Amino acid sequence: MINATNLTTVNLGNSDTVEVGDNVTAIGSPGGYMNTLSKGIISGINRENDRGYDIQTTASITHGSSGGPLFNRYGNVIGINYSGFESAGDIGFVIPINEINSLLSTTNEKTVIQINGQ
């Protein structure tokens, strides 16, 4: 593992301003290929699920990409990649960054089950 220091942090965007057709870029590690970049657009917003609402993207979100950032065209993180349908083409789902902001401001560790309220 590389021991990195003095790294620049990313800027968080506002996921409430995302619109269908916006250009986006996802970073993940699909199939174990570290730091893979994929481009796409926002193909849907407010996709309801048990947790809340998702952003839908055509950027490839496959096994191993979960937890990576979704960037807008300005380089701001607008969401966290978590799900995709490899058999259905370019359908990926992202947790909007505005839903995650409250978790980032606390020092309490939470499990995925606690975040999803189950």
Protein backbone atom coordinates (compact mmCIF):
# COMPACT_ATOMS: atom_id res chain seq x y z
CA MET A 1 0.00 0.00 0.00
CA ILE A 2 1.19 3.50 -0.80
CA ASN A 3 1.55 5.88 2.14
CA ALA A 4 0.28 9.20 0.77
CA THR A 5 0.54 12.51 2.60
CA ASN A 6 -0.39 16.11 1.84
CA LEU A 7 -3.16 15.15 -0.56
CA THR A 8 -5.66 17.70 -1.80
CA THR A 9 -9.24 17.04 -0.71
CA VAL A 10 -12.20 17.04 -3.05
CA ASN A 11 -14.91 19.66 -2.95
CA LEU A 12 -18.47 18.62 -2.24
CA GLY A 13 -21.13 19.88 -4.62
CA ASN A 14 -24.85 20.39 -4.16
CA SER A 15 -26.79 17.33 -5.32
CA ASP A 16 -30.06 19.32 -5.19
CA THR A 17 -28.95 21.21 -8.31
CA VAL A 18 -28.34 18.08 -10.42
CA GLU A 19 -30.37 17.94 -13.63
CA VAL A 20 -31.07 15.21 -16.16
CA GLY A 21 -28.49 15.49 -18.94
CA ASP A 22 -25.67 16.85 -16.75
CA ASN A 23 -22.25 15.38 -17.57
CA VAL A 24 -20.72 13.29 -14.78
CA THR A 25 -17.65 11.17 -14.08
CA ALA A 26 -17.45 8.17 -11.74
CA ILE A 27 -14.33 6.71 -10.16
CA GLY A 28 -14.26 3.17 -8.80
CA SER A 29 -12.49 -0.17 -8.91
CA PRO A 30 -14.70 -2.45 -11.03
CA GLY A 31 -13.43 -6.01 -11.14
CA GLY A 32 -10.47 -4.93 -8.99
CA TYR A 33 -9.12 -2.47 -11.59
CA MET A 34 -8.17 0.38 -9.25
CA ASN A 35 -9.07 4.00 -10.00
CA THR A 36 -11.14 3.33 -13.10
CA LEU A 37 -12.80 6.41 -14.58
CA SER A 38 -16.11 6.28 -16.46
CA LYS A 39 -18.07 9.12 -18.02
CA GLY A 40 -21.81 9.48 -18.41
CA ILE A 41 -24.77 11.73 -17.82
CA ILE A 42 -27.44 12.08 -15.20
CA SER A 43 -30.28 9.99 -16.60
CA GLY A 44 -32.74 10.33 -13.73
CA ILE A 45 -33.22 12.12 -10.42
CA ASN A 46 -35.33 11.40 -7.37
CA ARG A 47 -35.44 7.63 -7.98
CA GLU A 48 -37.27 6.47 -4.86
CA ASN A 49 -36.10 3.49 -2.81
CA ASP A 50 -36.27 2.26 0.81
CA ARG A 51 -33.54 4.68 1.95
CA GLY A 52 -34.73 7.82 0.19
CA TYR A 53 -33.99 9.06 -3.31
CA ASP A 54 -31.17 8.24 -5.71
CA ILE A 55 -29.49 9.88 -8.65
CA GLN A 56 -29.47 7.66 -11.75
CA THR A 57 -26.51 7.83 -14.12
CA THR A 58 -25.26 6.24 -17.33
CA ALA A 59 -21.69 6.27 -15.94
CA SER A 60 -20.69 2.65 -15.43
CA ILE A 61 -21.25 1.54 -11.81
CA THR A 62 -20.34 -2.15 -11.66
CA HIS A 63 -19.16 -4.56 -8.97
CA GLY A 64 -16.24 -2.90 -7.21
CA SER A 65 -17.29 0.68 -7.97
CA SER A 66 -19.43 1.08 -4.85
CA GLY A 67 -18.19 3.77 -2.50
CA GLY A 68 -16.48 5.79 -5.20
CA PRO A 69 -17.38 9.40 -5.95
CA LEU A 70 -19.57 10.77 -8.73
CA PHE A 71 -18.25 14.14 -9.92
CA ASN A 72 -20.07 16.89 -11.78
CA ARG A 73 -18.42 18.79 -14.65
CA TYR A 74 -16.83 21.20 -12.17
CA GLY A 75 -15.01 18.41 -10.31
CA ASN A 76 -17.28 18.55 -7.26
CA VAL A 77 -18.53 15.34 -5.65
CA ILE A 78 -22.31 15.16 -6.06
CA GLY A 79 -22.81 11.60 -4.86
CA ILE A 80 -21.45 8.23 -3.80
CA ASN A 81 -21.77 5.33 -6.26
CA TYR A 82 -23.41 2.24 -4.83
CA SER A 83 -25.32 0.15 -7.36
CA GLY A 84 -25.49 -0.77 -11.01
CA PHE A 85 -27.16 -3.28 -13.27
CA GLU A 86 -24.56 -4.93 -15.47
CA SER A 87 -27.21 -6.88 -17.38
CA ALA A 88 -29.36 -3.80 -18.04
CA GLY A 89 -26.80 -1.55 -19.71
CA ASP A 90 -25.86 1.86 -18.43
CA ILE A 91 -28.00 2.10 -15.30
CA GLY A 92 -26.15 3.13 -12.17
CA PHE A 93 -27.41 4.52 -8.87
CA VAL A 94 -25.78 7.08 -6.61
CA ILE A 95 -26.57 8.35 -3.11
CA PRO A 96 -26.87 12.16 -3.36
CA ILE A 97 -24.07 13.94 -1.46
CA ASN A 98 -26.61 16.14 0.36
CA GLU A 99 -27.94 12.99 2.09
CA ILE A 100 -24.42 12.10 3.20
CA ASN A 101 -23.28 15.55 4.39
CA SER A 102 -24.89 15.12 7.82
CA LEU A 103 -22.95 11.90 8.34
CA LEU A 104 -19.67 13.58 7.41
CA SER A 105 -20.02 16.23 10.09
CA THR A 106 -20.14 13.70 12.95
CA THR A 107 -17.35 11.68 14.49
CA ASN A 108 -19.64 8.76 15.30
CA GLU A 109 -19.08 5.66 13.23
CA LYS A 110 -22.21 4.15 11.71
CA THR A 111 -22.89 0.88 9.97
CA VAL A 112 -24.73 0.64 6.65
CA ILE A 113 -27.70 -0.84 8.54
CA GLN A 114 -27.81 2.20 10.85
CA ILE A 115 -27.63 4.59 7.88
CA ASN A 116 -30.47 2.78 6.11
CA GLY A 117 -32.57 2.86 9.31
CA GLN A 118 -33.10 -0.89 9.55
